[in-house]
Amino acid sequence: MKDFSLFEIADFVMDEDFIRWVNNKSKADDDYWENWLTRNPHKLLIIAEARRIIESIGTGQPFIQPAGIDLEVEKVLQAINRGSELPEENLTYKPYGVGRFAAAVLLIMALLGASVWIFTSDKKPPKKFAYASITASRPLIEHVNTTLNTITISLPDGSTVKLASNSRISYDRKFDSLHTRDIYLSGQAFFTVRKNPHRPFRVFANEVVAKVLGTSFTVRSFEKDTIIQVTVSSGKVSVYSQAKTTVKESASASKPGGIILTPNQQLVYEKSSQEFQKILMENPVMIKAVMVNNVIPYEDAPINKVFDVLGTDYGINIVYDSELLKNCTVSADLSNETFYHKLDLICRAIGASYEVIDGQVVIQANGCH
């Protein structure tokens, strides 16, 4: 039985079941991988990249026999270890015009019986939403981080931006007097926004725009990436698709709209499919840690209280049938456990299970056991 949770990109790219799903798109495979990603949201980025690699190659070279796989891989690995280019005449499958790292990646593609060319230009964001296009003709103030460390930028309205390496932001010279506080981002940044309910703060990041009234959140949107991520640390963030939402609609302070994110939630936008997916963070953190000592350990505590407090502490919605579980109680010390381990212990105690669906936890139970 394969344990896909241990797979990395190269493992997925080489796996025949994964390749079948990407290429054939059968309903059975779609259902399996959708359920698997629900249980393993931390693998979403790896899956997206592996899919991109497989989808971007064609067929052309004959499938290499299993007996020859080790030999072909060994040739490339030896060249990489020597720090030299691998002469093409030594390879059964020849990656044209690429360096050592690309040669290794393309060889893996060849072992799948695929041609060794990869498209990259068609994975870039639409030009009209790209940072350069949006900012080209506007009189903006720009900050660029060319260092290897994160830098902190103070905005005119009192908000701050922690700008990651190789990233940049721009904003209007009249930033603090316009109806909306608009930031244009290429790269990654953590925003701590000064609250102003009358002047929405918007981050334009390639195909998406994130809008808040006052909160803290991270946006990662490098043009070379296949996905865009928005992660909330505090408050709420609404995220729109620029292609499907007018600038006027997203500027409204009274209409949150879009996809709403709360703490410990992350939105992933896959550029190729233009689809959003809301997931929970791999390691959710407490947002109300002051309550811990008041509720832990539990001693014959009603399960509804346990779930409600847990959800409040982490800002995560926990869905359960309160009538079905009204007689269930829990005795447990959860003081030093992570969010998911707490869930595991609680569910084990009452004979239940859980799934993470659309950024929330859904408890599945048939009563108390």
Protein backbone atom coordinates (compact mmCIF):
# COMPACT_ATOMS: atom_id res chain seq x y z
CA MET A 1 0.00 0.00 0.00
CA LYS A 2 1.48 3.35 -1.05
CA ASP A 3 1.85 6.06 1.56
CA PHE A 4 1.43 9.19 -0.55
CA SER A 5 1.91 11.37 2.54
CA LEU A 6 5.63 10.57 2.30
CA PHE A 7 5.86 11.49 -1.40
CA GLU A 8 7.69 14.53 -2.71
CA ILE A 9 7.34 16.10 -6.19
CA ALA A 10 9.65 13.61 -7.92
CA ASP A 11 7.78 10.69 -6.32
CA PHE A 12 4.42 11.90 -7.60
CA VAL A 13 5.82 12.61 -11.06
CA MET A 14 7.09 9.01 -11.26
CA ASP A 15 3.96 7.37 -9.83
CA GLU A 16 1.72 5.63 -12.38
CA ASP A 17 -1.47 6.13 -10.32
CA PHE A 18 -0.83 9.86 -10.00
CA ILE A 19 0.00 10.16 -13.71
CA ARG A 20 -3.21 8.34 -14.63
CA TRP A 21 -5.24 10.77 -12.55
CA VAL A 22 -3.61 13.83 -14.15
CA ASN A 23 -3.89 12.53 -17.71
CA ASN A 24 -7.21 10.66 -17.67
CA LYS A 25 -9.21 12.70 -15.14
CA SER A 26 -11.63 9.88 -14.31
CA LYS A 27 -14.30 10.51 -11.69
CA ALA A 28 -13.01 7.70 -9.46
CA ASP A 29 -9.51 9.16 -9.45
CA ASP A 30 -10.85 12.69 -8.94
CA ASP A 31 -12.84 11.54 -5.91
CA TYR A 32 -9.85 9.68 -4.45
CA TRP A 33 -7.41 12.57 -4.77
CA GLU A 34 -9.95 15.15 -3.61
CA ASN A 35 -10.51 13.12 -0.43
CA TRP A 36 -6.78 12.54 -0.02
CA LEU A 37 -6.01 16.28 -0.29
CA THR A 38 -8.74 17.01 2.25
CA ARG A 39 -6.87 14.79 4.71
CA ASN A 40 -3.44 16.08 3.66
CA PRO A 41 -3.83 19.81 2.91
CA HIS A 42 -0.11 20.39 3.55
CA LYS A 43 0.63 18.48 0.34
CA LEU A 44 -1.46 20.78 -1.85
CA LEU A 45 1.51 22.80 -3.14
CA ILE A 46 3.52 19.67 -3.96
CA ILE A 47 0.54 18.13 -5.77
CA ALA A 48 -0.05 21.31 -7.77
CA GLU A 49 3.58 21.46 -8.90
CA ALA A 50 3.68 17.76 -9.79
CA ARG A 51 0.50 18.15 -11.83
CA ARG A 52 1.96 21.17 -13.60
CA ILE A 53 5.05 19.20 -14.61
CA ILE A 54 3.06 16.26 -15.95
CA GLU A 55 0.53 18.46 -17.76
CA SER A 56 3.26 20.50 -19.44
CA ILE A 57 5.01 17.57 -21.15
CA GLY A 58 4.05 15.67 -24.26
CA THR A 59 4.66 12.17 -25.47
CA GLY A 60 7.32 11.31 -27.95
CA GLN A 61 10.11 9.08 -26.70
CA PRO A 62 9.65 5.37 -26.09
CA PHE A 63 9.14 4.14 -22.57
CA ILE A 64 12.40 3.02 -20.99
CA GLN A 65 12.49 -0.53 -19.69
CA PRO A 66 12.54 -0.89 -15.88
CA ALA A 67 15.93 -2.60 -16.02
CA GLY A 68 17.46 0.56 -17.48
CA ILE A 69 16.00 3.10 -15.09
CA ASP A 70 18.69 2.79 -12.42
CA LEU A 71 21.45 3.09 -15.01
CA GLU A 72 20.01 6.26 -16.55
CA VAL A 73 19.45 7.91 -13.16
CA GLU A 74 22.94 6.93 -12.01
CA LYS A 75 24.48 8.63 -15.05
CA VAL A 76 22.83 11.91 -14.16
CA LEU A 77 23.53 11.68 -10.42
CA GLN A 78 27.23 10.99 -11.03
CA ALA A 79 27.49 14.03 -13.27
CA ILE A 80 25.76 16.22 -10.69
CA ASN A 81 28.03 14.96 -7.91
CA ARG A 82 31.10 15.72 -10.03
CA GLY A 83 29.76 19.22 -10.63
CA SER A 84 29.97 18.77 -14.38
CA GLU A 85 27.65 18.71 -17.35
CA LEU A 86 26.60 15.29 -18.52
CA PRO A 87 27.61 14.69 -22.17
CA GLU A 88 24.43 14.08 -24.13
CA GLU A 89 25.93 11.12 -25.98
CA ASN A 90 26.05 9.24 -22.64
CA LEU A 91 22.29 9.48 -22.16
CA THR A 92 19.63 7.31 -23.69
CA TYR A 93 17.28 10.28 -23.22
CA LYS A 94 18.86 13.63 -24.11
CA PRO A 95 17.67 16.83 -22.40
CA TYR A 96 18.53 19.51 -24.91
CA GLY A 97 20.06 22.85 -23.92
CA VAL A 98 19.69 22.59 -20.16
CA GLY A 99 21.96 22.55 -17.14
CA ARG A 100 22.62 19.89 -14.53
CA PHE A 101 19.51 20.44 -12.42
CA ALA A 102 17.21 20.64 -15.42
CA ALA A 103 18.87 17.55 -16.85
CA ALA A 104 17.99 15.57 -13.74
CA VAL A 105 14.39 16.78 -13.79
CA LEU A 106 13.97 16.16 -17.49
CA LEU A 107 15.47 12.70 -17.19
CA ILE A 108 12.75 11.83 -14.70
CA MET A 109 10.27 13.01 -17.31
CA ALA A 110 11.95 10.76 -19.88
CA LEU A 111 11.61 7.76 -17.61
CA LEU A 112 7.86 8.29 -17.79
CA GLY A 113 8.06 7.78 -21.56
CA ALA A 114 7.52 11.48 -22.19
CA SER A 115 9.27 13.94 -24.43
CA VAL A 116 11.82 16.10 -22.66
CA TRP A 117 10.50 19.59 -23.12
CA ILE A 118 8.66 21.76 -20.63
CA PHE A 119 6.55 24.81 -21.29
CA THR A 120 6.95 27.74 -18.92
CA SER A 121 5.76 30.81 -20.78
CA ASP A 122 2.09 29.76 -20.77
CA LYS A 123 2.11 29.43 -16.99
CA LYS A 124 2.70 33.13 -16.42
CA PRO A 125 -0.23 35.23 -15.18
CA PRO A 126 -2.31 37.08 -17.77
CA LYS A 127 -0.44 40.23 -18.76
CA LYS A 128 -3.20 42.59 -17.77
CA PHE A 129 -3.00 41.35 -14.15
CA ALA A 130 0.80 41.10 -13.91
CA TYR A 131 2.57 43.53 -11.58
CA ALA A 132 4.51 45.22 -14.38
CA SER A 133 1.36 45.85 -16.43
CA ILE A 134 -0.67 47.24 -13.53
CA THR A 135 2.05 49.61 -12.31
CA ALA A 136 3.64 50.67 -15.61
CA SER A 137 1.68 53.86 -16.32
CA ARG A 138 0.96 55.00 -12.76
CA PRO A 139 2.90 57.50 -10.64
CA LEU A 140 3.62 55.10 -7.78
CA ILE A 141 6.06 54.81 -4.91
CA GLU A 142 7.89 51.49 -5.12
CA HIS A 143 9.88 49.49 -2.55
CA VAL A 144 12.08 46.62 -3.75
CA ASN A 145 13.82 44.12 -1.46
CA THR A 146 17.07 43.07 -3.11
CA THR A 147 18.55 41.71 0.14
CA LEU A 148 18.47 38.15 1.44
CA ASN A 149 16.49 39.17 4.54
CA THR A 150 12.97 40.45 5.15
CA ILE A 151 12.67 44.22 5.39
CA THR A 152 9.96 46.26 7.17
CA ILE A 153 8.20 49.12 5.40
CA SER A 154 5.95 51.67 7.10
CA LEU A 155 3.03 52.87 5.02
CA PRO A 156 1.58 56.41 5.21
CA ASP A 157 -1.60 55.19 6.98
CA GLY A 158 0.34 53.54 9.82
CA SER A 159 0.16 50.01 8.40
CA THR A 160 3.37 48.00 8.04
CA VAL A 161 4.66 45.54 5.46
CA LYS A 162 7.31 42.88 6.01
CA LEU A 163 8.61 42.40 2.51
CA ALA A 164 10.37 39.12 1.69
CA SER A 165 13.53 38.80 -0.36
CA ASN A 166 13.19 39.31 -4.12
CA SER A 167 9.79 41.00 -3.66
CA ARG A 168 8.39 44.44 -4.36
CA ILE A 169 5.37 46.60 -3.57
CA SER A 170 4.00 49.83 -5.04
CA TYR A 171 1.33 52.28 -3.93
CA ASP A 172 -0.10 55.62 -5.00
CA ARG A 173 1.60 58.83 -3.91
CA LYS A 174 -1.80 59.89 -2.47
CA PHE A 175 -2.17 56.56 -0.66
CA ASP A 176 -3.40 58.08 2.60
CA SER A 177 -6.10 60.26 1.05
CA LEU A 178 -7.78 58.00 -1.49
CA HIS A 179 -11.05 56.08 -1.03
CA THR A 180 -9.18 52.76 -0.99
CA ARG A 181 -5.68 51.93 0.23
CA ASP A 182 -4.28 49.95 -2.71
CA ILE A 183 -1.02 48.01 -2.71
CA TYR A 184 0.45 46.20 -5.72
CA LEU A 185 2.58 43.17 -4.87
CA SER A 186 4.99 40.95 -6.71
CA GLY A 187 6.51 38.34 -4.38
CA GLN A 188 5.69 37.74 -0.73
CA ALA A 189 4.75 40.09 2.10
CA PHE A 190 3.19 40.06 5.56
CA PHE A 191 0.76 42.95 6.09
CA THR A 192 -0.29 44.42 9.43
CA VAL A 193 -3.10 46.78 8.50
CA ARG A 194 -4.21 49.81 10.53
CA LYS A 195 -7.98 49.49 10.94
CA ASN A 196 -10.14 51.93 9.01
CA PRO A 197 -13.70 50.72 8.30
CA HIS A 198 -14.26 53.51 5.76
CA ARG A 199 -11.17 52.90 3.61
CA PRO A 200 -10.62 49.27 2.56
CA PHE A 201 -7.03 48.06 2.25
CA ARG A 202 -6.52 46.06 -0.95
CA VAL A 203 -3.55 44.01 -2.13
CA PHE A 204 -3.41 43.34 -5.87
CA ALA A 205 -1.30 40.22 -6.42
CA ASN A 206 -1.41 39.08 -10.04
CA GLU A 207 -4.77 37.35 -10.59
CA VAL A 208 -6.18 37.92 -7.10
CA VAL A 209 -6.98 40.84 -4.84
CA ALA A 210 -7.17 40.55 -1.04
CA LYS A 211 -9.30 43.11 0.79
CA VAL A 212 -9.38 43.91 4.52
CA LEU A 213 -10.50 46.69 6.82
CA GLY A 214 -7.86 46.02 9.45
CA THR A 215 -6.00 42.79 10.19
CA SER A 216 -2.75 40.89 9.56
CA PHE A 217 -2.15 38.43 6.76
CA THR A 218 0.43 37.09 4.30
CA VAL A 219 0.26 37.08 0.52
CA ARG A 220 2.64 35.05 -1.64
CA SER A 221 2.39 35.78 -5.36
CA PHE A 222 5.62 35.32 -7.31
CA GLU A 223 5.02 35.40 -11.05
CA LYS A 224 7.06 32.22 -11.54
CA ASP A 225 4.90 30.25 -9.09
CA THR A 226 1.97 28.16 -10.26
CA ILE A 227 -0.18 29.17 -7.29
CA ILE A 228 -1.01 32.24 -5.19
CA GLN A 229 -1.44 31.92 -1.40
CA VAL A 230 -3.21 34.15 1.12
CA THR A 231 -2.83 33.22 4.81
CA VAL A 232 -4.62 34.98 7.69
CA SER A 233 -3.00 35.60 11.08
CA SER A 234 -5.74 37.74 12.63
CA GLY A 235 -9.09 39.21 11.64
CA LYS A 236 -10.77 38.46 8.32
CA VAL A 237 -9.65 38.76 4.72
CA SER A 238 -11.83 38.56 1.62
CA VAL A 239 -10.16 37.36 -1.58
CA TYR A 240 -11.40 37.96 -5.12
CA SER A 241 -10.46 36.86 -8.60
CA GLN A 242 -9.52 39.98 -10.56
CA ALA A 243 -10.93 38.45 -13.72
CA LYS A 244 -14.37 37.88 -12.17
CA THR A 245 -14.74 40.93 -9.91
CA THR A 246 -14.83 44.57 -10.92
CA VAL A 247 -12.58 47.05 -9.16
CA LYS A 248 -15.70 48.95 -8.06
CA GLU A 249 -17.22 45.86 -6.45
CA SER A 250 -14.06 45.03 -4.48
CA ALA A 251 -13.74 48.64 -3.30
CA SER A 252 -16.99 48.54 -1.31
CA ALA A 253 -16.35 48.72 2.43
CA SER A 254 -19.84 47.46 3.33
CA LYS A 255 -19.75 44.32 1.16
CA PRO A 256 -17.07 41.82 2.18
CA GLY A 257 -17.89 39.44 -0.72
CA GLY A 258 -15.37 37.07 -2.25
CA ILE A 259 -14.00 34.14 -0.28
CA ILE A 260 -13.71 34.96 3.41
CA LEU A 261 -10.65 33.77 5.34
CA THR A 262 -10.26 33.74 9.11
CA PRO A 263 -7.22 32.95 11.33
CA ASN A 264 -5.42 29.66 10.60
CA GLN A 265 -7.05 29.49 7.18
CA GLN A 266 -5.22 29.69 3.88
CA LEU A 267 -6.53 30.26 0.40
CA VAL A 268 -4.70 28.69 -2.54
CA TYR A 269 -5.38 29.93 -6.06
CA GLU A 270 -4.13 27.62 -8.82
CA LYS A 271 -3.32 29.71 -11.86
CA SER A 272 -3.70 27.04 -14.54
CA SER A 273 -7.23 26.03 -13.49
CA GLN A 274 -8.17 29.46 -12.07
CA GLU A 275 -9.67 27.77 -9.02
CA PHE A 276 -9.66 28.67 -5.33
CA GLN A 277 -9.29 26.20 -2.47
CA LYS A 278 -9.63 27.06 1.21
CA ILE A 279 -7.57 24.92 3.60
CA LEU A 280 -6.47 24.93 7.21
CA MET A 281 -2.86 25.60 8.12
CA GLU A 282 -0.70 22.54 8.69
CA ASN A 283 -0.04 23.63 12.30
CA PRO A 284 -2.83 25.96 13.50
CA VAL A 285 -1.86 28.32 16.33
CA MET A 286 -3.97 29.55 19.21
CA ILE A 287 -5.48 33.00 18.81
CA LYS A 288 -6.94 33.06 22.35
CA ALA A 289 -4.15 31.44 24.34
CA VAL A 290 -5.24 33.22 27.54
CA MET A 291 -8.15 30.80 27.85
CA VAL A 292 -6.01 27.67 28.01
CA ASN A 293 -5.58 27.44 31.76
CA ASN A 294 -9.33 27.84 32.30
CA VAL A 295 -10.39 24.81 30.27
CA ILE A 296 -7.51 22.31 30.32
CA PRO A 297 -7.35 19.62 31.61
CA TYR A 298 -10.96 18.50 31.05
CA GLU A 299 -12.73 16.34 33.63
CA ASP A 300 -16.03 14.83 32.44
CA ALA A 301 -16.54 17.93 30.32
CA PRO A 302 -19.52 18.00 27.91
CA ILE A 303 -18.28 17.41 24.38
CA ASN A 304 -20.09 20.47 23.05
CA LYS A 305 -18.12 22.64 25.46
CA VAL A 306 -14.85 20.99 24.46
CA PHE A 307 -15.46 21.51 20.74
CA ASP A 308 -16.74 25.06 21.18
CA VAL A 309 -13.76 26.13 23.29
CA LEU A 310 -11.29 24.42 20.96
CA GLY A 311 -12.81 26.17 17.96
CA THR A 312 -12.77 29.53 19.75
CA ASP A 313 -9.16 29.16 20.87
CA TYR A 314 -7.99 28.53 17.32
CA GLY A 315 -10.56 30.56 15.44
CA ILE A 316 -11.60 27.43 13.53
CA ASN A 317 -15.19 26.43 12.89
CA ILE A 318 -15.89 22.89 14.20
CA VAL A 319 -19.10 21.41 12.81
CA TYR A 320 -20.80 18.60 14.76
CA ASP A 321 -24.25 17.24 15.58
CA SER A 322 -24.90 18.69 19.04
CA GLU A 323 -28.08 16.65 19.53
CA LEU A 324 -26.35 13.38 18.64
CA LEU A 325 -23.43 14.09 20.99
CA LYS A 326 -25.29 15.85 23.79
CA ASN A 327 -24.59 13.06 26.32
CA CYS A 328 -20.88 12.68 25.47
CA THR A 329 -18.23 13.80 27.94
CA VAL A 330 -14.44 13.94 27.79
CA SER A 331 -11.72 13.66 30.42
CA ALA A 332 -8.34 14.62 29.00
CA ASP A 333 -5.29 16.81 29.54
CA LEU A 334 -4.69 18.66 26.29
CA SER A 335 -2.33 21.28 27.66
CA ASN A 336 0.71 20.62 25.47
CA GLU A 337 -0.89 19.12 22.38
CA THR A 338 -1.15 20.53 18.87
CA PHE A 339 -4.54 21.33 17.37
CA TYR A 340 -4.77 18.17 15.28
CA HIS A 341 -3.51 15.95 18.11
CA LYS A 342 -6.20 17.42 20.38
CA LEU A 343 -8.79 16.56 17.75
CA ASP A 344 -7.40 13.02 17.47
CA LEU A 345 -7.57 12.47 21.24
CA ILE A 346 -11.09 13.91 21.57
CA CYS A 347 -12.47 11.91 18.66
CA ARG A 348 -10.82 8.72 19.90
CA ALA A 349 -12.43 9.22 23.30
CA ILE A 350 -15.97 9.32 21.84
CA GLY A 351 -15.46 6.97 18.88
CA ALA A 352 -15.67 9.72 16.26
CA SER A 353 -13.57 10.89 13.33
CA TYR A 354 -13.13 14.20 11.53
CA GLU A 355 -12.46 15.70 8.11
CA VAL A 356 -11.15 19.10 7.11
CA ILE A 357 -13.50 20.50 4.48
CA ASP A 358 -13.38 24.01 3.04
CA GLY A 359 -11.24 25.34 5.87
CA GLN A 360 -13.36 23.93 8.69
CA VAL A 361 -13.45 20.73 10.76
CA VAL A 362 -16.40 18.38 10.32
CA ILE A 363 -16.92 15.80 13.09
CA GLN A 364 -18.36 12.45 12.01
CA ALA A 365 -19.92 10.37 14.79
CA ASN A 366 -22.76 7.95 15.53
CA GLY A 367 -23.13 8.95 19.15
CA CYS A 368 -20.86 8.13 22.10
CA HIS A 369 -18.80 4.96 22.42
